[in-house]
Amino acid sequence: MMRSLYSGVSGLQNHQTRMDVIGNNISNVNTTGFKRGRVNFQDMISQQLSGAARPTEELGGVNPKDVGLGMTIATIEQVFVQGNLQSTGVSTDVAIQGNGFFIVKDGEESFYTRNGVFGLDKDGTFVNPANGMRVQGWMARDLNGEAIIQSSATPTDLVIPVGSKDPARETANVLFACNLNKNTPEILEGASASDVAKGTWATEQKIYDSFGNEHLLSVSFQRVVGNPNAWQATVNVDADNADFTQTRVGLGTTDGMENTFIVEFDNFGALRSVTDSSGALSNAEGDIVLTTSYTVPESEADADGNPERHTFNINLGTIGSFKNTITQSASKSTTKAYSQDGYTLGYLDNFKIDSSGVITGVYSNGTNRVIGQIALATFANDRGLEKAGDNNYVETNNSGQANVGESGVAGKGSILSGALEMSNVDLSEQMTDMIVTQRGFQSNAKTIQTADTLLETVLSLKR
């Protein structure tokens, strides 16, 4: 009889614990990145009244007789199923679709979280604004002018240099891909101005000097009289100031003595060769690159008193190719110098985060620069993590060590910018569990009441 009392007590206590967990789940139904808890019960050790007996020749076997002594909590674990993603439109909000945790640090202590409500502090450090913990990742480093992210290195604080300068870069390469109309008329000697205009096709492209000043590169093409597949090109930088800029074009590493060259095509309209003003002939295959130079206005003179000249390459494309190459076809001429790599001074205006967690800076001069990448961590047993408050977890002896890497690798999920992961608490499920828990609590209370009535009956036997 006393056993039933204590069994009821264990039921009351443990159902109360389950109710505590349910209450915590419901209170965090709108907590970003929250993972609901779950309580599992198990019975306690039983008192054996008699053991089992094996069968004999005369009798069959006898089963053991056990009386249970109540129940206890088997586990209280976190359920790390995916929560719904909610779009916020805030670029610093990030969510994980799939496995993994963000890594945040307080000093040298690491924490792990699914809460992606991040922002910048006054120093541009990427942090959780609720507690100041710093988001971990890898900063890009410059290697021969290219931003490289070494994700095998130890993660560090991510710093977004808002307002930082991107120095001006002079144009080094201009790539052409225009078409010259095969039916363009030749310009004969003594032709009128209107005939010259009809027989000339001009292309223009903005380029930049070392100061970031903008210049206009003009390349005009005219049919060569007597050669149906040849065109003469005239190159000028700032044509309205041509006497000063003194544009020169040549094959190879020299910039030539004049600003003209002859380009020839085969009978299919593909690029065949180029001859510069000195008579030098281009290579028979591969890309055709012309070295071009011009005098930079308002620049310091060299030791000999000569003004600075800037040199860049004009790439006409690949011999025999029709892709991203200058061609000659019986269709309308097109104006397209499709790429140049110079730009003026710019400032970091904004940044964006892609699905790999790569942070790319957007500068006011139109350039993009890789700044860094957000790191993710996974665990062999994420249910073994210990709650540390503030939506954070810490690793334990049973969670395993953090496997740190970039998203999309080794089972890690992808990152979505401008969204947050909602709590995975299902209110309908929690309300149902609450009813079941309430009935369990009431039933255990009734067990105690009934046992008390039985004891009272026993005590009344002496009357």
Protein backbone atom coordinates (compact mmCIF):
# COMPACT_ATOMS: atom_id res chain seq x y z
CA MET A 1 0.00 0.00 0.00
CA MET A 2 2.85 2.38 0.77
CA ARG A 3 4.31 1.52 -2.61
CA SER A 4 1.29 3.00 -4.38
CA LEU A 5 1.69 6.23 -2.40
CA TYR A 6 5.27 6.67 -3.52
CA SER A 7 4.44 5.62 -7.08
CA GLY A 8 1.83 8.37 -7.13
CA VAL A 9 4.35 10.86 -5.74
CA SER A 10 6.85 10.02 -8.49
CA GLY A 11 4.09 10.45 -11.07
CA LEU A 12 3.16 13.86 -9.66
CA GLN A 13 6.74 15.09 -9.58
CA ASN A 14 7.68 13.93 -13.04
CA HIS A 15 4.47 15.05 -14.69
CA GLN A 16 5.12 18.43 -13.13
CA THR A 17 8.56 18.42 -14.77
CA ARG A 18 6.95 17.56 -18.11
CA MET A 19 4.53 20.42 -17.60
CA ASP A 20 7.49 22.72 -16.94
CA VAL A 21 9.02 21.72 -20.26
CA ILE A 22 5.72 22.21 -22.10
CA GLY A 23 5.31 25.62 -20.49
CA ASN A 24 8.82 26.58 -21.61
CA ASN A 25 8.02 25.43 -25.15
CA ILE A 26 4.85 27.48 -25.29
CA SER A 27 6.55 30.56 -23.86
CA ASN A 28 9.16 30.32 -26.64
CA VAL A 29 6.71 29.78 -29.48
CA ASN A 30 7.91 33.03 -31.09
CA THR A 31 11.58 32.81 -30.10
CA THR A 32 13.85 32.88 -33.14
CA GLY A 33 15.73 29.64 -33.70
CA PHE A 34 14.24 27.98 -30.58
CA LYS A 35 14.15 24.17 -30.49
CA ARG A 36 11.38 22.58 -28.46
CA GLY A 37 12.10 20.25 -25.57
CA ARG A 38 10.68 16.77 -25.11
CA VAL A 39 10.34 14.69 -21.92
CA ASN A 40 10.52 10.91 -22.07
CA PHE A 41 9.46 8.76 -19.09
CA GLN A 42 10.62 5.32 -17.97
CA ASP A 43 9.52 3.03 -15.13
CA MET A 44 11.61 2.68 -12.00
CA ILE A 45 13.07 -0.53 -10.64
CA SER A 46 10.44 -3.06 -9.59
CA GLN A 47 10.20 -5.05 -6.35
CA GLN A 48 10.15 -8.76 -7.07
CA LEU A 49 7.64 -10.80 -5.08
CA SER A 50 8.75 -14.07 -6.61
CA GLY A 51 11.11 -15.08 -9.31
CA ALA A 52 10.56 -17.08 -12.44
CA ALA A 53 10.60 -20.89 -12.38
CA ARG A 54 11.58 -23.06 -15.29
CA PRO A 55 9.32 -25.86 -16.55
CA THR A 56 9.63 -29.36 -15.03
CA GLU A 57 8.38 -32.76 -16.13
CA GLU A 58 5.26 -32.35 -14.02
CA LEU A 59 4.61 -28.56 -14.32
CA GLY A 60 5.13 -25.74 -16.74
CA GLY A 61 7.19 -22.66 -16.07
CA VAL A 62 6.14 -19.83 -13.75
CA ASN A 63 6.57 -16.14 -14.61
CA PRO A 64 8.11 -13.69 -12.16
CA LYS A 65 5.94 -11.42 -10.03
CA ASP A 66 7.11 -7.78 -9.99
CA VAL A 67 5.55 -4.72 -8.40
CA GLY A 68 6.61 -1.41 -9.95
CA LEU A 69 7.84 1.40 -7.71
CA GLY A 70 6.78 4.31 -9.89
CA MET A 71 8.33 6.19 -12.79
CA THR A 72 11.14 8.60 -13.48
CA ILE A 73 12.37 10.88 -16.27
CA ALA A 74 14.40 9.08 -18.94
CA THR A 75 15.47 12.13 -20.98
CA ILE A 76 14.75 15.79 -21.47
CA GLU A 77 16.09 16.47 -24.94
CA GLN A 78 15.97 19.15 -27.59
CA VAL A 79 14.25 18.32 -30.87
CA PHE A 80 16.41 19.83 -33.63
CA VAL A 81 13.95 19.57 -36.50
CA GLN A 82 13.89 22.42 -39.03
CA GLY A 83 11.79 25.44 -38.13
CA ASN A 84 9.93 27.44 -40.77
CA LEU A 85 11.87 30.27 -42.42
CA GLN A 86 10.41 33.77 -42.22
CA SER A 87 11.50 36.48 -44.64
CA THR A 88 12.49 39.73 -42.91
CA GLY A 89 14.15 41.75 -45.68
CA VAL A 90 16.98 42.67 -43.29
CA SER A 91 20.27 41.80 -45.01
CA THR A 92 22.06 40.99 -41.73
CA ASP A 93 19.43 38.42 -40.71
CA VAL A 94 20.54 34.92 -41.67
CA ALA A 95 18.92 31.51 -41.34
CA ILE A 96 20.22 27.98 -41.75
CA GLN A 97 18.29 25.59 -43.99
CA GLY A 98 19.46 22.18 -42.85
CA ASN A 99 21.99 21.08 -40.25
CA GLY A 100 24.46 23.29 -38.45
CA PHE A 101 24.89 26.11 -35.96
CA PHE A 102 26.33 29.60 -36.14
CA ILE A 103 29.42 30.08 -33.98
CA VAL A 104 29.49 33.10 -31.67
CA LYS A 105 32.15 34.02 -29.15
CA ASP A 106 32.29 35.77 -25.80
CA GLY A 107 36.00 36.37 -25.36
CA GLU A 108 37.59 32.98 -25.99
CA GLU A 109 34.49 30.94 -25.10
CA SER A 110 32.57 29.54 -28.06
CA PHE A 111 28.79 29.18 -28.21
CA TYR A 112 26.55 27.71 -30.88
CA THR A 113 23.16 29.01 -31.98
CA ARG A 114 20.45 28.75 -34.62
CA ASN A 115 19.40 32.33 -33.94
CA GLY A 116 20.56 34.43 -36.90
CA VAL A 117 19.49 37.88 -35.69
CA PHE A 118 22.81 39.58 -36.38
CA GLY A 119 24.00 43.13 -36.98
CA LEU A 120 27.03 45.39 -36.88
CA ASP A 121 28.49 47.26 -33.92
CA LYS A 122 30.22 50.63 -34.18
CA ASP A 123 33.47 48.98 -35.28
CA GLY A 124 31.75 47.05 -38.06
CA THR A 125 32.06 43.73 -36.21
CA PHE A 126 29.36 41.21 -37.10
CA VAL A 127 27.62 40.48 -33.77
CA ASN A 128 24.45 39.33 -32.07
CA PRO A 129 23.09 42.75 -31.02
CA ALA A 130 21.22 41.23 -28.05
CA ASN A 131 24.37 40.19 -26.19
CA GLY A 132 27.31 41.46 -28.25
CA MET A 133 28.67 37.99 -29.00
CA ARG A 134 30.81 38.03 -32.12
CA VAL A 135 29.90 35.91 -35.13
CA GLN A 136 32.76 33.71 -36.31
CA GLY A 137 33.97 33.07 -39.84
CA TRP A 138 36.93 33.67 -42.12
CA MET A 139 38.09 37.04 -43.41
CA ALA A 140 39.22 37.18 -47.04
CA ARG A 141 42.88 37.92 -47.70
CA ASP A 142 44.40 39.38 -50.83
CA LEU A 143 46.55 37.08 -52.96
CA ASN A 144 47.94 38.67 -56.11
CA GLY A 145 44.94 40.95 -56.38
CA GLU A 146 42.39 38.17 -55.79
CA ALA A 147 40.38 37.75 -52.57
CA ILE A 148 40.94 34.27 -51.10
CA ILE A 149 39.00 32.66 -48.23
CA GLN A 150 40.86 29.92 -46.37
CA SER A 151 38.05 27.95 -44.72
CA SER A 152 40.52 25.43 -43.28
CA ALA A 153 41.91 28.12 -40.96
CA THR A 154 40.65 28.81 -37.43
CA PRO A 155 37.52 31.02 -37.55
CA THR A 156 37.87 34.58 -36.36
CA ASP A 157 35.69 37.67 -35.83
CA LEU A 158 33.99 38.96 -38.98
CA VAL A 159 34.47 42.68 -39.58
CA ILE A 160 32.56 44.56 -42.31
CA PRO A 161 34.58 47.70 -43.18
CA VAL A 162 31.58 49.94 -43.89
CA GLY A 163 32.71 53.18 -45.54
CA SER A 164 36.13 51.81 -46.45
CA LYS A 165 37.74 52.91 -49.72
CA ASP A 166 38.26 50.85 -52.84
CA PRO A 167 41.18 52.63 -54.59
CA ALA A 168 40.85 53.68 -58.20
CA ARG A 169 42.20 51.20 -60.73
CA GLU A 170 43.46 52.11 -64.15
CA THR A 171 42.10 50.18 -67.11
CA ALA A 172 44.40 47.34 -68.10
CA ASN A 173 42.22 45.41 -70.55
CA VAL A 174 39.41 46.25 -72.96
CA LEU A 175 37.62 43.33 -74.62
CA PHE A 176 35.82 43.72 -77.96
CA ALA A 177 33.01 41.58 -79.38
CA CYS A 178 31.43 43.79 -82.06
CA ASN A 179 30.29 42.74 -85.52
CA LEU A 180 31.24 44.67 -88.68
CA ASN A 181 28.64 44.61 -91.44
CA LYS A 182 30.10 42.92 -94.52
CA ASN A 183 27.87 45.13 -96.71
CA THR A 184 29.27 48.41 -95.40
CA PRO A 185 30.33 50.49 -98.44
CA GLU A 186 34.01 51.27 -99.10
CA ILE A 187 35.11 54.89 -98.71
CA LEU A 188 36.63 55.95 -102.00
CA GLU A 189 38.99 58.86 -102.43
CA GLY A 190 37.12 62.14 -102.60
CA ALA A 191 34.02 60.73 -100.91
CA SER A 192 31.60 63.19 -99.35
CA ALA A 193 31.24 63.59 -95.61
CA SER A 194 27.93 61.73 -95.67
CA ASP A 195 29.51 58.80 -97.57
CA VAL A 196 32.36 58.73 -95.04
CA ALA A 197 29.84 58.58 -92.21
CA LYS A 198 27.95 55.74 -93.92
CA GLY A 199 31.14 53.76 -94.44
CA THR A 200 32.46 54.20 -90.87
CA TRP A 201 31.47 52.16 -87.85
CA ALA A 202 32.53 53.61 -84.49
CA THR A 203 32.58 52.00 -81.04
CA GLU A 204 33.08 53.76 -77.72
CA GLN A 205 34.02 52.56 -74.24
CA LYS A 206 34.72 54.39 -70.98
CA ILE A 207 38.15 53.71 -69.51
CA TYR A 208 39.98 55.03 -66.42
CA ASP A 209 43.47 56.30 -65.66
CA SER A 210 45.43 55.78 -62.43
CA PHE A 211 43.67 58.75 -60.78
CA GLY A 212 40.25 57.28 -61.53
CA ASN A 213 39.55 59.94 -64.15
CA GLU A 214 37.21 58.81 -66.88
CA HIS A 215 38.29 58.81 -70.54
CA LEU A 216 36.50 57.81 -73.72
CA LEU A 217 38.12 55.17 -75.89
CA SER A 218 36.95 55.47 -79.52
CA VAL A 219 37.66 52.82 -82.16
CA SER A 220 36.29 53.49 -85.66
CA PHE A 221 36.37 50.95 -88.50
CA GLN A 222 36.44 51.64 -92.26
CA ARG A 223 36.54 49.13 -95.13
CA VAL A 224 39.93 48.88 -96.87
CA VAL A 225 39.57 49.67 -100.55
CA GLY A 226 40.43 46.65 -102.72
CA ASN A 227 40.37 44.10 -99.88
CA PRO A 228 36.81 42.82 -99.20
CA ASN A 229 37.73 41.23 -95.85
CA ALA A 230 39.90 43.97 -94.36
CA TRP A 231 39.08 46.98 -92.21
CA GLN A 232 41.23 49.85 -90.99
CA ALA A 233 40.70 50.74 -87.34
CA THR A 234 41.56 54.12 -85.86
CA VAL A 235 41.97 54.33 -82.10
CA ASN A 236 41.70 57.50 -80.02
CA VAL A 237 41.50 58.20 -76.31
CA ASP A 238 39.54 61.43 -75.79
CA ALA A 239 39.22 62.15 -79.50
CA ASP A 240 38.42 65.82 -78.81
CA ASN A 241 41.86 66.09 -77.16
CA ALA A 242 43.72 63.74 -79.51
CA ASP A 243 46.68 66.11 -80.05
CA PHE A 244 47.52 65.86 -76.35
CA THR A 245 46.66 62.21 -75.61
CA GLN A 246 48.67 61.00 -78.66
CA THR A 247 47.10 57.53 -78.76
CA ARG A 248 49.38 54.77 -80.10
CA VAL A 249 48.57 51.14 -80.96
CA GLY A 250 50.88 48.23 -81.67
CA LEU A 251 51.12 44.44 -81.59
CA GLY A 252 52.98 42.65 -78.82
CA THR A 253 54.50 44.59 -75.95
CA THR A 254 55.18 47.75 -77.97
CA ASP A 255 52.54 50.44 -78.31
CA GLY A 256 53.38 51.33 -81.95
CA MET A 257 54.03 54.62 -83.66
CA GLU A 258 50.52 55.43 -84.89
CA ASN A 259 46.94 54.92 -83.79
CA THR A 260 45.76 52.67 -86.62
CA PHE A 261 45.81 48.97 -87.48
CA ILE A 262 44.34 46.66 -90.13
CA VAL A 263 42.08 43.77 -89.10
CA GLU A 264 41.33 40.96 -91.55
CA PHE A 265 38.66 38.25 -91.58
CA ASP A 266 38.37 34.94 -93.42
CA ASN A 267 35.57 34.07 -95.85
CA PHE A 268 33.42 32.84 -92.96
CA GLY A 269 33.62 36.18 -91.15
CA ALA A 270 35.92 34.93 -88.39
CA LEU A 271 38.93 36.92 -87.19
CA ARG A 272 42.08 35.96 -89.13
CA SER A 273 44.85 38.49 -88.44
CA VAL A 274 45.83 42.03 -87.49
CA THR A 275 48.60 44.20 -88.93
CA ASP A 276 49.74 47.28 -87.02
CA SER A 277 51.05 50.54 -88.47
CA SER A 278 54.66 49.31 -88.39
CA GLY A 279 53.75 46.30 -90.55
CA ALA A 280 53.97 43.73 -87.72
CA LEU A 281 51.63 40.78 -88.28
CA SER A 282 49.71 39.06 -85.46
CA ASN A 283 50.09 35.46 -84.44
CA ALA A 284 48.37 32.73 -86.48
CA GLU A 285 46.25 31.42 -83.62
CA GLY A 286 45.05 32.35 -80.14
CA ASP A 287 44.00 35.79 -78.93
CA ILE A 288 44.89 39.00 -80.71
CA VAL A 289 45.98 41.66 -78.22
CA LEU A 290 47.00 45.20 -79.13
CA THR A 291 49.07 47.33 -76.75
CA THR A 292 47.60 50.83 -76.56
CA SER A 293 49.00 53.92 -74.85
CA TYR A 294 47.99 57.53 -74.31
CA THR A 295 49.20 60.59 -72.42
CA VAL A 296 47.46 61.03 -69.06
CA PRO A 297 46.29 64.65 -68.50
CA GLU A 298 47.43 66.51 -65.38
CA SER A 299 49.97 63.86 -64.42
CA GLU A 300 53.48 64.30 -63.05
CA ALA A 301 56.25 64.25 -65.62
CA ASP A 302 59.03 61.65 -65.39
CA ALA A 303 62.75 62.37 -64.81
CA ASP A 304 63.17 63.29 -68.49
CA GLY A 305 60.29 65.75 -68.34
CA ASN A 306 57.95 63.57 -70.36
CA PRO A 307 54.30 63.36 -69.25
CA GLU A 308 53.02 60.03 -67.94
CA ARG A 309 51.63 57.62 -70.50
CA HIS A 310 49.17 54.92 -69.53
CA THR A 311 49.28 51.57 -71.35
CA PHE A 312 46.44 49.07 -71.66
CA ASN A 313 45.48 46.13 -73.89
CA ILE A 314 42.76 45.92 -76.52
CA ASN A 315 41.71 42.31 -76.96
CA LEU A 316 39.91 41.68 -80.26
CA GLY A 317 39.19 38.04 -79.45
CA THR A 318 40.34 34.62 -80.63
CA ILE A 319 41.38 33.83 -84.18
CA GLY A 320 38.78 31.63 -85.92
CA SER A 321 36.23 32.01 -83.13
CA PHE A 322 32.79 33.64 -83.12
CA LYS A 323 32.32 33.84 -79.33
CA ASN A 324 33.23 37.12 -77.61
CA THR A 325 35.25 38.07 -80.68
CA ILE A 326 35.12 40.79 -83.33
CA THR A 327 33.52 39.34 -86.48
CA GLN A 328 32.50 40.31 -90.03
CA SER A 329 29.05 39.19 -91.08
CA ALA A 330 26.36 40.42 -93.47
CA SER A 331 24.22 41.72 -90.64
CA LYS A 332 23.91 45.01 -88.83
CA SER A 333 27.07 46.33 -87.20
CA THR A 334 27.00 46.27 -83.42
CA THR A 335 28.65 48.55 -80.93
CA LYS A 336 30.14 46.42 -78.22
CA ALA A 337 33.34 46.76 -76.31
CA TYR A 338 31.78 44.46 -73.73
CA SER A 339 34.26 44.67 -70.86
CA GLN A 340 36.94 46.83 -69.27
CA ASP A 341 38.53 46.37 -65.84
CA GLY A 342 39.12 49.93 -64.63
CA TYR A 343 37.10 51.97 -62.16
CA THR A 344 37.17 55.11 -60.06
CA LEU A 345 37.52 55.44 -56.29
CA GLY A 346 34.61 53.86 -54.41
CA TYR A 347 33.28 53.43 -50.87
CA LEU A 348 31.66 50.36 -49.32
CA ASP A 349 27.96 51.18 -49.38
CA ASN A 350 26.40 47.82 -48.72
CA PHE A 351 27.09 44.11 -48.46
CA LYS A 352 25.24 40.90 -49.22
CA ILE A 353 25.43 37.31 -47.98
CA ASP A 354 24.96 34.39 -50.37
CA SER A 355 23.83 30.78 -49.73
CA SER A 356 27.42 29.75 -48.94
CA GLY A 357 27.71 32.41 -46.25
CA VAL A 358 30.14 34.46 -48.37
CA ILE A 359 29.92 38.17 -47.53
CA THR A 360 30.43 40.38 -50.59
CA GLY A 361 30.92 44.14 -50.31
CA VAL A 362 29.17 46.41 -52.82
CA TYR A 363 31.10 49.62 -53.52
CA SER A 364 29.85 52.92 -54.88
CA ASN A 365 32.06 52.57 -57.98
CA GLY A 366 30.16 49.44 -59.02
CA THR A 367 32.76 46.91 -57.90
CA ASN A 368 32.16 43.91 -55.65
CA ARG A 369 34.73 42.58 -53.19
CA VAL A 370 34.64 39.36 -51.14
CA ILE A 371 34.96 40.34 -47.47
CA GLY A 372 34.62 37.04 -45.64
CA GLN A 373 32.52 33.95 -45.02
CA ILE A 374 30.32 32.82 -42.12
CA ALA A 375 31.38 29.55 -40.48
CA LEU A 376 29.00 26.76 -39.46
CA ALA A 377 29.46 23.97 -36.92
CA THR A 378 27.90 20.52 -36.75
CA PHE A 379 28.04 17.85 -34.05
CA ALA A 380 27.92 14.06 -34.08
CA ASN A 381 25.21 14.27 -31.39
CA ASP A 382 23.55 17.67 -31.39
CA ARG A 383 21.07 16.45 -28.73
CA GLY A 384 24.03 16.21 -26.40
CA LEU A 385 24.51 20.00 -26.46
CA GLU A 386 23.84 21.90 -23.25
CA LYS A 387 21.68 25.01 -23.16
CA ALA A 388 23.54 28.16 -22.16
CA GLY A 389 20.77 30.77 -22.40
CA ASP A 390 20.35 33.52 -25.00
CA ASN A 391 19.40 30.84 -27.57
CA ASN A 392 22.94 29.46 -27.26
CA TYR A 393 24.37 26.00 -26.69
CA VAL A 394 27.75 24.75 -25.54
CA GLU A 395 29.37 21.44 -26.40
CA THR A 396 29.53 18.65 -23.82
CA ASN A 397 31.33 15.34 -23.41
CA ASN A 398 28.49 13.58 -25.23
CA SER A 399 27.87 16.06 -28.07
CA GLY A 400 31.27 15.54 -29.62
CA GLN A 401 33.58 18.30 -30.76
CA ALA A 402 32.38 20.93 -33.20
CA ASN A 403 33.03 20.13 -36.86
CA VAL A 404 33.62 23.61 -38.26
CA GLY A 405 33.41 24.36 -41.97
CA GLU A 406 31.60 26.23 -44.70
CA SER A 407 27.93 25.71 -45.51
CA GLY A 408 26.98 22.99 -47.96
CA VAL A 409 30.01 20.87 -47.03
CA ALA A 410 30.07 17.69 -44.90
CA GLY A 411 26.34 17.74 -44.18
CA LYS A 412 26.10 21.41 -43.28
CA GLY A 413 23.03 23.31 -44.43
CA SER A 414 22.79 26.35 -46.65
CA ILE A 415 22.48 29.95 -45.47
CA LEU A 416 19.61 32.24 -46.42
CA SER A 417 20.11 35.97 -46.03
CA GLY A 418 17.21 38.26 -45.18
CA ALA A 419 15.35 35.52 -43.30
CA LEU A 420 15.15 33.99 -39.83
CA GLU A 421 14.34 30.49 -38.62
CA MET A 422 11.19 30.47 -36.52
CA SER A 423 10.64 28.37 -33.40
CA ASN A 424 9.82 24.73 -34.18
CA VAL A 425 7.18 24.64 -31.41
CA ASP A 426 3.81 23.35 -32.70
CA LEU A 427 1.12 24.90 -30.51
CA SER A 428 -1.50 22.27 -31.32
CA GLU A 429 0.92 19.52 -30.32
CA GLN A 430 1.88 21.31 -27.12
CA MET A 431 -1.76 21.88 -26.14
CA THR A 432 -2.48 18.19 -26.67
CA ASP A 433 0.57 17.24 -24.60
CA MET A 434 -0.63 19.65 -21.92
CA ILE A 435 -3.99 17.87 -21.70
CA VAL A 436 -2.31 14.45 -21.53
CA THR A 437 0.09 15.71 -18.87
CA GLN A 438 -2.72 17.25 -16.88
CA ARG A 439 -4.68 13.98 -16.92
CA GLY A 440 -1.56 12.05 -15.92
CA PHE A 441 -1.01 14.42 -13.00
CA GLN A 442 -4.63 14.14 -11.90
CA SER A 443 -4.56 10.34 -12.14
CA ASN A 444 -1.45 10.14 -9.98
CA ALA A 445 -3.08 12.47 -7.45
CA LYS A 446 -6.10 10.14 -7.44
CA THR A 447 -3.75 7.20 -6.77
CA ILE A 448 -2.49 8.97 -3.64
CA GLN A 449 -6.04 9.80 -2.53
CA THR A 450 -7.18 6.21 -3.00
CA ALA A 451 -4.16 4.82 -1.14
CA ASP A 452 -4.89 7.26 1.69
CA THR A 453 -8.48 5.99 1.86
CA LEU A 454 -7.21 2.42 2.08
CA LEU A 455 -4.85 3.37 4.91
CA GLU A 456 -7.70 5.10 6.72
CA THR A 457 -9.75 1.88 6.42
CA VAL A 458 -6.90 -0.09 7.94
CA LEU A 459 -6.56 2.38 10.81
CA SER A 460 -10.28 2.12 11.55
CA LEU A 461 -10.08 -1.65 12.12
CA LYS A 462 -9.27 -1.09 15.84
CA ARG A 463 -12.59 0.59 16.49
